[in-house]
Amino acid sequence: MSNPFFVELGFSGVEIASLTKVVGLAASVVGIVVGGVLVARTSIRPALILGGLLQAVTNLLYVWLAYAGHDLGVLALAVLADNFTGGLASAAFVAYFSSLSRGAYSGTQFAVLTSLMAMGRTLFGGLSGWLATWTDWPVFWVCTALLALPGLLLLVALPEPGRHAERT
């Protein structure tokens, strides 16, 4: 929903592409590296929790952007933060899925897990347009931040990733 949001705020295609594709890609790569370092220095669970929290908080930057309007500085900050935290969380998620995949079928297991990861976005992504239309943009972005809470609570309930008994 970010692109329709940016367009509604009056950003041009060049402004959006420059920030989301060029700067955003660089921020994603840096986030992936930082996420990998974080997993290596702590463990998977803290990296997953930090990544999830930061992604939720990052969505609140879009609330700021909604009130700021056509402000390239706020847009740049929101896009940088969103892509950086997305990269960080993705690195932790890949580490988590890798810890669950074992043995001769690890490639298949990893493929199934990543497909399941994308299923929520695929099934419920269409509802985001309805929610954005039904609410205003600030409420929409607050809702997206709050939607991270169930996943974060689930992380607390799950056993420590990578610390389960070795399967044969």
N, C-alpha and C. Protein backbone atom coordinates (compact mmCIF):
# COMPACT_ATOMS: atom_id res chain seq x y z
N MET A 1 0.81 -1.20 0.00
CA MET A 1 0.00 0.00 0.00
C MET A 1 0.85 1.26 0.00
N SER A 2 2.15 1.09 0.08
CA SER A 2 3.00 2.29 0.15
C SER A 2 2.95 3.11 -1.14
N ASN A 3 2.99 2.46 -2.30
CA ASN A 3 2.98 3.24 -3.54
C ASN A 3 1.70 4.05 -3.74
N PRO A 4 0.51 3.47 -3.54
CA PRO A 4 -0.69 4.31 -3.63
C PRO A 4 -0.68 5.45 -2.62
N PHE A 5 -0.14 5.18 -1.45
CA PHE A 5 -0.01 6.20 -0.42
C PHE A 5 0.89 7.34 -0.89
N PHE A 6 2.05 6.98 -1.45
CA PHE A 6 2.98 8.01 -1.93
C PHE A 6 2.35 8.83 -3.06
N VAL A 7 1.67 8.17 -3.96
CA VAL A 7 1.03 8.88 -5.07
C VAL A 7 -0.04 9.83 -4.55
N GLU A 8 -0.84 9.37 -3.59
CA GLU A 8 -1.88 10.23 -3.03
C GLU A 8 -1.29 11.46 -2.34
N LEU A 9 -0.08 11.33 -1.81
CA LEU A 9 0.58 12.47 -1.17
C LEU A 9 1.20 13.41 -2.19
N GLY A 10 1.16 13.04 -3.46
CA GLY A 10 1.65 13.93 -4.51
C GLY A 10 3.08 13.71 -4.95
N PHE A 11 3.69 12.61 -4.54
CA PHE A 11 5.05 12.33 -4.99
C PHE A 11 5.03 11.86 -6.43
N SER A 12 6.02 12.28 -7.19
CA SER A 12 6.10 11.88 -8.59
C SER A 12 6.69 10.48 -8.71
N GLY A 13 6.52 9.88 -9.87
CA GLY A 13 7.09 8.57 -10.12
C GLY A 13 8.60 8.55 -9.96
N VAL A 14 9.26 9.62 -10.39
CA VAL A 14 10.72 9.70 -10.26
C VAL A 14 11.11 9.78 -8.79
N GLU A 15 10.39 10.57 -8.00
CA GLU A 15 10.70 10.68 -6.57
C GLU A 15 10.51 9.34 -5.88
N ILE A 16 9.41 8.68 -6.20
CA ILE A 16 9.12 7.39 -5.57
C ILE A 16 10.16 6.36 -5.97
N ALA A 17 10.45 6.27 -7.26
CA ALA A 17 11.42 5.28 -7.74
C ALA A 17 12.82 5.55 -7.19
N SER A 18 13.22 6.80 -7.16
CA SER A 18 14.55 7.14 -6.65
C SER A 18 14.73 6.68 -5.21
N LEU A 19 13.71 6.89 -4.43
CA LEU A 19 13.84 6.53 -3.01
C LEU A 19 13.56 5.06 -2.76
N THR A 20 12.50 4.52 -3.34
CA THR A 20 12.15 3.14 -3.01
C THR A 20 13.03 2.12 -3.70
N LYS A 21 13.44 2.39 -4.91
CA LYS A 21 14.21 1.40 -5.66
C LYS A 21 15.71 1.54 -5.46
N VAL A 22 16.21 2.74 -5.46
CA VAL A 22 17.66 2.93 -5.36
C VAL A 22 18.09 2.98 -3.89
N VAL A 23 17.60 3.97 -3.16
CA VAL A 23 17.97 4.13 -1.76
C VAL A 23 17.43 2.97 -0.93
N GLY A 24 16.19 2.56 -1.23
CA GLY A 24 15.59 1.45 -0.49
C GLY A 24 16.35 0.16 -0.65
N LEU A 25 16.83 -0.12 -1.84
CA LEU A 25 17.61 -1.34 -2.07
C LEU A 25 18.89 -1.32 -1.25
N ALA A 26 19.58 -0.19 -1.25
CA ALA A 26 20.81 -0.08 -0.46
C ALA A 26 20.52 -0.29 1.02
N ALA A 27 19.43 0.30 1.51
CA ALA A 27 19.07 0.14 2.92
C ALA A 27 18.73 -1.32 3.23
N SER A 28 18.10 -2.01 2.30
CA SER A 28 17.77 -3.43 2.49
C SER A 28 19.03 -4.26 2.62
N VAL A 29 20.00 -4.01 1.77
CA VAL A 29 21.25 -4.76 1.81
C VAL A 29 21.97 -4.52 3.13
N VAL A 30 22.04 -3.28 3.56
CA VAL A 30 22.67 -2.97 4.85
C VAL A 30 21.91 -3.66 5.98
N GLY A 31 20.58 -3.65 5.92
CA GLY A 31 19.77 -4.31 6.94
C GLY A 31 20.01 -5.81 6.99
N ILE A 32 20.18 -6.43 5.83
CA ILE A 32 20.46 -7.87 5.78
C ILE A 32 21.79 -8.17 6.45
N VAL A 33 22.80 -7.36 6.16
CA VAL A 33 24.12 -7.56 6.77
C VAL A 33 24.04 -7.37 8.28
N VAL A 34 23.39 -6.31 8.71
CA VAL A 34 23.25 -6.05 10.15
C VAL A 34 22.45 -7.18 10.81
N GLY A 35 21.40 -7.66 10.14
CA GLY A 35 20.62 -8.77 10.68
C GLY A 35 21.45 -10.03 10.82
N GLY A 36 22.30 -10.31 9.84
CA GLY A 36 23.18 -11.47 9.93
C GLY A 36 24.16 -11.36 11.08
N VAL A 37 24.72 -10.18 11.26
CA VAL A 37 25.64 -9.95 12.38
C VAL A 37 24.90 -10.09 13.70
N LEU A 38 23.69 -9.55 13.77
CA LEU A 38 22.89 -9.64 14.99
C LEU A 38 22.60 -11.09 15.36
N VAL A 39 22.21 -11.91 14.36
CA VAL A 39 21.95 -13.33 14.62
C VAL A 39 23.22 -14.01 15.10
N ALA A 40 24.35 -13.69 14.48
CA ALA A 40 25.61 -14.33 14.86
C ALA A 40 26.06 -13.93 16.26
N ARG A 41 25.81 -12.70 16.65
CA ARG A 41 26.28 -12.22 17.96
C ARG A 41 25.32 -12.50 19.10
N THR A 42 24.05 -12.63 18.81
CA THR A 42 23.08 -12.93 19.87
C THR A 42 22.56 -14.34 19.61
N SER A 43 21.37 -14.44 19.13
CA SER A 43 20.79 -15.71 18.65
C SER A 43 19.60 -15.33 17.79
N ILE A 44 18.89 -16.32 17.33
CA ILE A 44 17.81 -16.07 16.38
C ILE A 44 16.64 -15.33 17.03
N ARG A 45 16.21 -15.76 18.22
CA ARG A 45 15.03 -15.15 18.85
C ARG A 45 15.19 -13.65 19.08
N PRO A 46 16.27 -13.16 19.69
CA PRO A 46 16.39 -11.71 19.87
C PRO A 46 16.41 -10.96 18.53
N ALA A 47 17.02 -11.55 17.53
CA ALA A 47 17.05 -10.89 16.21
C ALA A 47 15.65 -10.84 15.61
N LEU A 48 14.88 -11.92 15.76
CA LEU A 48 13.50 -11.93 15.26
C LEU A 48 12.65 -10.90 15.99
N ILE A 49 12.78 -10.85 17.30
CA ILE A 49 11.98 -9.91 18.10
C ILE A 49 12.36 -8.48 17.76
N LEU A 50 13.65 -8.19 17.70
CA LEU A 50 14.09 -6.83 17.36
C LEU A 50 13.63 -6.46 15.96
N GLY A 51 13.79 -7.37 15.01
CA GLY A 51 13.35 -7.10 13.64
C GLY A 51 11.85 -6.83 13.56
N GLY A 52 11.06 -7.64 14.26
CA GLY A 52 9.62 -7.44 14.27
C GLY A 52 9.20 -6.14 14.92
N LEU A 53 9.82 -5.83 16.05
CA LEU A 53 9.52 -4.56 16.73
C LEU A 53 9.89 -3.36 15.86
N LEU A 54 11.07 -3.42 15.26
CA LEU A 54 11.50 -2.30 14.42
C LEU A 54 10.62 -2.14 13.19
N GLN A 55 10.17 -3.25 12.62
CA GLN A 55 9.28 -3.14 11.46
C GLN A 55 7.95 -2.50 11.87
N ALA A 56 7.43 -2.87 13.02
CA ALA A 56 6.18 -2.26 13.49
C ALA A 56 6.36 -0.77 13.73
N VAL A 57 7.45 -0.41 14.40
CA VAL A 57 7.71 1.00 14.69
C VAL A 57 7.94 1.78 13.40
N THR A 58 8.60 1.15 12.45
CA THR A 58 8.85 1.80 11.17
C THR A 58 7.55 2.19 10.46
N ASN A 59 6.53 1.35 10.59
CA ASN A 59 5.25 1.69 9.97
C ASN A 59 4.66 2.97 10.56
N LEU A 60 5.03 3.28 11.78
CA LEU A 60 4.56 4.53 12.38
C LEU A 60 5.20 5.76 11.72
N LEU A 61 6.33 5.57 11.06
CA LEU A 61 6.92 6.68 10.29
C LEU A 61 6.01 7.09 9.14
N TYR A 62 5.24 6.13 8.63
CA TYR A 62 4.29 6.46 7.58
C TYR A 62 3.13 7.31 8.11
N VAL A 63 2.83 7.17 9.40
CA VAL A 63 1.85 8.06 10.03
C VAL A 63 2.38 9.49 9.99
N TRP A 64 3.64 9.64 10.35
CA TRP A 64 4.28 10.95 10.30
C TRP A 64 4.23 11.51 8.89
N LEU A 65 4.56 10.66 7.92
CA LEU A 65 4.53 11.09 6.53
C LEU A 65 3.12 11.51 6.10
N ALA A 66 2.11 10.80 6.57
CA ALA A 66 0.73 11.17 6.23
C ALA A 66 0.41 12.58 6.69
N TYR A 67 0.90 12.95 7.86
CA TYR A 67 0.66 14.30 8.37
C TYR A 67 1.61 15.33 7.75
N ALA A 68 2.82 14.89 7.40
CA ALA A 68 3.80 15.81 6.80
C ALA A 68 3.44 16.14 5.36
N GLY A 69 2.77 15.21 4.69
CA GLY A 69 2.41 15.45 3.29
C GLY A 69 3.59 15.24 2.36
N HIS A 70 3.67 16.08 1.36
CA HIS A 70 4.71 15.95 0.33
C HIS A 70 6.04 16.48 0.87
N ASP A 71 6.71 15.67 1.67
CA ASP A 71 7.99 16.04 2.30
C ASP A 71 9.01 14.96 1.95
N LEU A 72 9.95 15.28 1.05
CA LEU A 72 10.92 14.28 0.60
C LEU A 72 11.80 13.77 1.73
N GLY A 73 12.12 14.62 2.69
CA GLY A 73 12.95 14.19 3.82
C GLY A 73 12.27 13.12 4.66
N VAL A 74 11.00 13.33 4.97
CA VAL A 74 10.25 12.34 5.75
C VAL A 74 10.05 11.07 4.94
N LEU A 75 9.77 11.22 3.65
CA LEU A 75 9.63 10.05 2.79
C LEU A 75 10.94 9.25 2.77
N ALA A 76 12.06 9.93 2.62
CA ALA A 76 13.36 9.25 2.59
C ALA A 76 13.62 8.51 3.89
N LEU A 77 13.32 9.15 5.01
CA LEU A 77 13.53 8.50 6.31
C LEU A 77 12.64 7.27 6.45
N ALA A 78 11.37 7.39 6.06
CA ALA A 78 10.44 6.27 6.17
C ALA A 78 10.88 5.10 5.28
N VAL A 79 11.27 5.40 4.05
CA VAL A 79 11.69 4.35 3.12
C VAL A 79 12.99 3.70 3.59
N LEU A 80 13.94 4.50 4.03
CA LEU A 80 15.20 3.94 4.53
C LEU A 80 14.95 3.03 5.72
N ALA A 81 14.18 3.51 6.69
CA ALA A 81 13.92 2.73 7.89
C ALA A 81 13.14 1.45 7.55
N ASP A 82 12.15 1.58 6.70
CA ASP A 82 11.32 0.43 6.33
C ASP A 82 12.16 -0.64 5.64
N ASN A 83 12.98 -0.25 4.71
CA ASN A 83 13.81 -1.21 3.98
C ASN A 83 14.92 -1.78 4.85
N PHE A 84 15.53 -0.96 5.69
CA PHE A 84 16.57 -1.44 6.59
C PHE A 84 16.01 -2.49 7.55
N THR A 85 14.88 -2.17 8.20
CA THR A 85 14.32 -3.12 9.16
C THR A 85 13.76 -4.36 8.46
N GLY A 86 13.26 -4.19 7.24
CA GLY A 86 12.83 -5.36 6.47
C GLY A 86 13.98 -6.30 6.18
N GLY A 87 15.13 -5.74 5.83
CA GLY A 87 16.32 -6.55 5.58
C GLY A 87 16.80 -7.24 6.85
N LEU A 88 16.82 -6.51 7.95
CA LEU A 88 17.25 -7.07 9.23
C LEU A 88 16.34 -8.23 9.62
N ALA A 89 15.04 -8.02 9.56
CA ALA A 89 14.09 -9.08 9.93
C ALA A 89 14.18 -10.26 8.97
N SER A 90 14.39 -10.00 7.69
CA SER A 90 14.50 -11.09 6.71
C SER A 90 15.70 -11.97 7.00
N ALA A 91 16.82 -11.37 7.38
CA ALA A 91 18.01 -12.16 7.71
C ALA A 91 17.73 -13.07 8.90
N ALA A 92 17.04 -12.54 9.91
CA ALA A 92 16.70 -13.34 11.08
C ALA A 92 15.72 -14.45 10.71
N PHE A 93 14.77 -14.14 9.83
CA PHE A 93 13.78 -15.13 9.41
C PHE A 93 14.44 -16.26 8.62
N VAL A 94 15.36 -15.93 7.75
CA VAL A 94 16.08 -16.96 6.99
C VAL A 94 16.89 -17.84 7.94
N ALA A 95 17.50 -17.22 8.95
CA ALA A 95 18.24 -18.02 9.93
C ALA A 95 17.30 -18.95 10.69
N TYR A 96 16.11 -18.45 11.03
CA TYR A 96 15.13 -19.27 11.74
C TYR A 96 14.68 -20.45 10.87
N PHE A 97 14.32 -20.17 9.63
CA PHE A 97 13.90 -21.25 8.74
C PHE A 97 15.03 -22.24 8.49
N SER A 98 16.24 -21.75 8.39
CA SER A 98 17.38 -22.64 8.20
C SER A 98 17.56 -23.55 9.41
N SER A 99 17.28 -23.03 10.61
CA SER A 99 17.42 -23.86 11.82
C SER A 99 16.36 -24.95 11.87
N LEU A 100 15.23 -24.73 11.20
CA LEU A 100 14.15 -25.73 11.19
C LEU A 100 14.34 -26.78 10.10
N SER A 101 15.14 -26.48 9.10
CA SER A 101 15.32 -27.38 7.95
C SER A 101 16.52 -28.28 8.20
N ARG A 102 16.29 -29.58 8.12
CA ARG A 102 17.35 -30.53 8.41
C ARG A 102 17.30 -31.70 7.43
N GLY A 103 18.46 -32.32 7.25
CA GLY A 103 18.54 -33.58 6.54
C GLY A 103 18.40 -33.49 5.03
N ALA A 104 18.03 -34.62 4.46
CA ALA A 104 17.98 -34.77 3.01
C ALA A 104 16.92 -33.89 2.36
N TYR A 105 15.91 -33.51 3.11
CA TYR A 105 14.81 -32.72 2.55
C TYR A 105 14.86 -31.25 2.96
N SER A 106 16.02 -30.78 3.37
CA SER A 106 16.11 -29.41 3.88
C SER A 106 15.75 -28.38 2.82
N GLY A 107 16.08 -28.61 1.58
CA GLY A 107 15.71 -27.68 0.51
C GLY A 107 14.20 -27.58 0.35
N THR A 108 13.54 -28.73 0.38
CA THR A 108 12.08 -28.75 0.28
C THR A 108 11.45 -28.12 1.50
N GLN A 109 11.97 -28.44 2.68
CA GLN A 109 11.44 -27.86 3.91
C GLN A 109 11.57 -26.33 3.88
N PHE A 110 12.71 -25.85 3.47
CA PHE A 110 12.93 -24.40 3.41
C PHE A 110 11.96 -23.75 2.42
N ALA A 111 11.75 -24.39 1.27
CA ALA A 111 10.83 -23.86 0.26
C ALA A 111 9.40 -23.81 0.79
N VAL A 112 8.98 -24.86 1.48
CA VAL A 112 7.63 -24.88 2.05
C VAL A 112 7.49 -23.79 3.11
N LEU A 113 8.47 -23.66 3.97
CA LEU A 113 8.40 -22.64 5.02
C LEU A 113 8.34 -21.23 4.44
N THR A 114 9.15 -20.94 3.43
CA THR A 114 9.11 -19.60 2.85
C THR A 114 7.81 -19.36 2.10
N SER A 115 7.24 -20.41 1.52
CA SER A 115 5.93 -20.26 0.88
C SER A 115 4.85 -19.96 1.91
N LEU A 116 4.91 -20.65 3.05
CA LEU A 116 3.95 -20.38 4.12
C LEU A 116 4.12 -18.96 4.66
N MET A 117 5.35 -18.48 4.69
CA MET A 117 5.62 -17.12 5.16
C MET A 117 4.89 -16.11 4.27
N ALA A 118 4.89 -16.34 2.98
CA ALA A 118 4.28 -15.40 2.04
C ALA A 118 2.77 -15.58 1.95
N MET A 119 2.23 -16.66 2.49
CA MET A 119 0.81 -16.94 2.34
C MET A 119 -0.07 -15.86 2.99
N GLY A 120 0.31 -15.37 4.14
CA GLY A 120 -0.48 -14.33 4.79
C GLY A 120 -0.58 -13.08 3.94
N ARG A 121 0.53 -12.68 3.38
CA ARG A 121 0.55 -11.49 2.52
C ARG A 121 -0.31 -11.71 1.28
N THR A 122 -0.26 -12.92 0.73
CA THR A 122 -1.03 -13.23 -0.46
C THR A 122 -2.53 -13.30 -0.16
N LEU A 123 -2.88 -13.95 0.93
CA LEU A 123 -4.30 -14.12 1.26
C LEU A 123 -4.95 -12.84 1.75
N PHE A 124 -4.21 -12.06 2.54
CA PHE A 124 -4.81 -10.89 3.18
C PHE A 124 -4.38 -9.56 2.60
N GLY A 125 -3.48 -9.59 1.61
CA GLY A 125 -3.00 -8.35 1.01
C GLY A 125 -4.10 -7.52 0.38
N GLY A 126 -5.08 -8.17 -0.21
CA GLY A 126 -6.19 -7.45 -0.83
C GLY A 126 -7.02 -6.68 0.19
N LEU A 127 -7.05 -7.16 1.41
CA LEU A 127 -7.80 -6.47 2.45
C LEU A 127 -7.15 -5.14 2.84
N SER A 128 -5.88 -5.00 2.55
CA SER A 128 -5.20 -3.75 2.92
C SER A 128 -5.77 -2.57 2.14
N GLY A 129 -6.12 -2.79 0.88
CA GLY A 129 -6.75 -1.71 0.10
C GLY A 129 -8.10 -1.32 0.67
N TRP A 130 -8.86 -2.31 1.08
CA TRP A 130 -10.15 -2.04 1.70
C TRP A 130 -9.95 -1.27 3.01
N LEU A 131 -8.99 -1.70 3.83
CA LEU A 131 -8.74 -1.03 5.11
C LEU A 131 -8.28 0.41 4.89
N ALA A 132 -7.42 0.63 3.91
CA ALA A 132 -6.94 1.98 3.63
C ALA A 132 -8.08 2.88 3.15
N THR A 133 -9.01 2.32 2.40
CA THR A 133 -10.15 3.09 1.92
C THR A 133 -11.15 3.36 3.05
N TRP A 134 -11.36 2.39 3.90
CA TRP A 134 -12.32 2.48 4.98
C TRP A 134 -11.86 3.43 6.08
N THR A 135 -10.55 3.49 6.30
CA THR A 135 -9.97 4.38 7.32
C THR A 135 -9.26 5.52 6.59
N ASP A 136 -8.51 6.30 7.32
CA ASP A 136 -7.61 7.25 6.67
C ASP A 136 -6.20 6.68 6.80
N TRP A 137 -5.24 7.33 6.12
CA TRP A 137 -3.89 6.78 6.08
C TRP A 137 -3.25 6.64 7.46
N PRO A 138 -3.33 7.63 8.35
CA PRO A 138 -2.70 7.43 9.67
C PRO A 138 -3.26 6.22 10.42
N VAL A 139 -4.58 6.05 10.40
CA VAL A 139 -5.18 4.90 11.08
C VAL A 139 -4.72 3.60 10.42
N PHE A 140 -4.67 3.59 9.10
CA PHE A 140 -4.21 2.41 8.37
C PHE A 140 -2.81 2.01 8.83
N TRP A 141 -1.88 2.97 8.88
CA TRP A 141 -0.50 2.64 9.24
C TRP A 141 -0.38 2.23 10.70
N VAL A 142 -1.20 2.80 11.58
CA VAL A 142 -1.21 2.35 12.98
C VAL A 142 -1.70 0.90 13.04
N CYS A 143 -2.74 0.59 12.28
CA CYS A 143 -3.25 -0.79 12.23
C CYS A 143 -2.17 -1.76 11.76
N THR A 144 -1.40 -1.39 10.75
CA THR A 144 -0.36 -2.28 10.26
C THR A 144 0.72 -2.50 11.33
N ALA A 145 1.00 -1.47 12.11
CA ALA A 145 1.98 -1.63 13.19
C ALA A 145 1.42 -2.57 14.26
N LEU A 146 0.16 -2.43 14.59
CA LEU A 146 -0.46 -3.28 15.61
C LEU A 146 -0.57 -4.73 15.17
N LEU A 147 -0.66 -4.96 13.87
CA LEU A 147 -0.76 -6.32 13.36
C LEU A 147 0.52 -7.14 13.60
N ALA A 148 1.59 -6.48 13.97
CA ALA A 148 2.83 -7.19 14.29
C ALA A 148 2.76 -7.85 15.67
N LEU A 149 1.87 -7.38 16.53
CA LEU A 149 1.82 -7.87 17.91
C LEU A 149 1.55 -9.37 18.03
N PRO A 150 0.60 -9.95 17.30
CA PRO A 150 0.40 -11.40 17.44
C PRO A 150 1.65 -12.21 17.08
N GLY A 151 2.34 -11.82 16.04
CA GLY A 151 3.56 -12.52 15.67
C GLY A 151 4.65 -12.39 16.72
N LEU A 152 4.75 -11.20 17.29
CA LEU A 152 5.75 -11.00 18.34
C LEU A 152 5.42 -11.82 19.58
N LEU A 153 4.14 -11.90 19.93
CA LEU A 153 3.72 -12.73 21.07
C LEU A 153 3.99 -14.20 20.79
N LEU A 154 3.79 -14.62 19.56
CA LEU A 154 4.07 -16.00 19.19
C LEU A 154 5.56 -16.31 19.34
N LEU A 155 6.42 -15.37 19.04
CA LEU A 155 7.86 -15.58 19.20
C LEU A 155 8.23 -15.88 20.64
N VAL A 156 7.53 -15.24 21.56
CA VAL A 156 7.79 -15.47 22.98
C VAL A 156 7.35 -16.88 23.37
N ALA A 157 6.29 -17.38 22.77
CA ALA A 157 5.75 -18.69 23.12
C ALA A 157 6.51 -19.85 22.48
N LEU A 158 7.18 -19.60 21.36
CA LEU A 158 7.89 -20.68 20.67
C LEU A 158 9.15 -21.08 21.41
N PRO A 159 9.55 -22.35 21.29
CA PRO A 159 10.84 -22.74 21.87
C PRO A 159 11.97 -21.99 21.16
N GLU A 160 13.07 -21.86 21.84
CA GLU A 160 14.21 -21.14 21.28
C GLU A 160 14.59 -21.76 19.95
N PRO A 161 14.55 -20.96 18.87
CA PRO A 161 14.92 -21.49 17.55
C PRO A 161 16.35 -22.02 17.54
N GLY A 162 16.53 -23.16 16.90
CA GLY A 162 17.86 -23.73 16.76
C GLY A 162 18.31 -24.52 17.96
N ARG A 163 17.48 -24.61 19.00
CA ARG A 163 17.87 -25.31 20.22
C ARG A 163 17.00 -26.54 20.46
N HIS A 164 16.45 -27.10 19.42
CA HIS A 164 15.63 -28.29 19.56
C HIS A 164 16.51 -29.52 19.38
N ALA A 165 16.00 -30.67 19.76
CA ALA A 165 16.76 -31.91 19.64
C ALA A 165 17.07 -32.20 18.17
N GLU A 166 18.23 -32.70 17.93
CA GLU A 166 18.65 -33.03 16.57
C GLU A 166 17.80 -34.18 16.04
N ARG A 167 17.26 -33.98 14.84
CA ARG A 167 16.45 -35.03 14.21
C ARG A 167 17.35 -35.97 13.40
N THR A 168 16.93 -37.22 13.31
CA THR A 168 17.73 -38.17 12.54
C THR A 168 17.05 -38.49 11.25
